[in-house]
Every structure is written in C-alpha cells, then in structure tokens.
Amino acid sequence: MKRVYICLFRYIQKKVHDEVGFTLMEIVTVIAIMGIVITMIFGFLVFNVDGINYGSGQTQEQANLRMAALRITQEVRNSVDIELSDTSMLPGMDYEIYVDNNVVMLDDGSSTISLSADGMQSVAFELKEDNSRYLLIITLDTKGSTLETEVLLNNISTIDGAATTLGERVGFTLPPVAP
C-alpha cells in the first residue's frame, strides 16, 4: 500500500510540473472571487460616501439655521417697537421678518434682503415676559432640524395688552440713528 501511495504522489507531482497555463475552472474561480471582493469594496465605498453626503447636508442645514437665527437676533435685539402677526405688512413697522419661498426675508418697505439660504420651511415668533423684560422666542424649522432661540429685547419694557404674542411674522422699528 505504501508503494502505491508513493507512486501516485510522484505521478501527481510530475503531472503538475509538466503542465503550463491555467484550466478554465481555475480562471472562472479566480474571476468569481475577484468579483466578490470588488463588490464588497464598492459597497463599502458607496456606504461611506452616502454617510458623508448625509452628514454634510445636516451640517449645512444646521449652519443655515444658526446663521438665520443670528441675523434675526442682530436685527431685532435693539428694536423700540415690536409686533407679531400671521398676515403680511404690519402697519406702522419699519421692518418685517418672515419666510417666503423657503427663505427668511427682511423687508424694510422698499427692499427685501435674504437672511438665510434656501431650505427654511417655517419661522415662528413668540413674545414672552421675563422679569419685566421681554424675550422674543424664535423657532426656525427646516426639513430635518429645528432651532429655537431667545432674544432679549433691550429697548422694550411694555407691550400693548391686545398685541398678539404668537405669529409667523415679526414687525419692528429700530431707534433713530444718532448723527
């Protein structure tokens, strides 16, 4: 039995050394394995690119919210008169902030300035009294994020009792500029 084994081993060893090239089965197996490996690598890369794009979109959306909140805060903080409404054109107010076509707009009566990039779905304003001072609570909404911020109104100590304390538009008047 031992002799047959040795002879068979020598035959296989000689046969392997005499052949040149690859069989069709070997080539098909290598191509299949390479296809599986490439598919796994490609799937991993697509997953990572999608994650980066999603994260980048979220970052852009949140930056847009923060920028709009900052611009609104800068405009409204020192107002001497303020009024909230859900209708357009607040009478007697020099400026008005609202959302139009997914952009937060500042209207001064003669021109309109964009305070945010595209993507803003809504803005809501609320007046709230806090220790005999007034806060303007601003809630900004985009498709995937919401930002709420409070602005201390420096020059407003009283508000008309009949005034609306909730609204989608804020109208305000700034103090006169000293020469």
Foldseek 3Di string as FASTA:
>chain_A
DVVVVVVVVVVVVVVVVVDDDDDPVVVVVVVVVVVVVVVVVVVVVVVVVVVVVVVVVVVLVVVQVVQLVVVVLVVQQAFQAKAAAADPDDPPFQWKWADDQQFIWIDRPPDIDTRGDHFWDAKKWFWDDDPQWIKIWIWTDGPPDIDIDIHTRPNDRDDPPPGDGMHRMMGTHHDDDDD
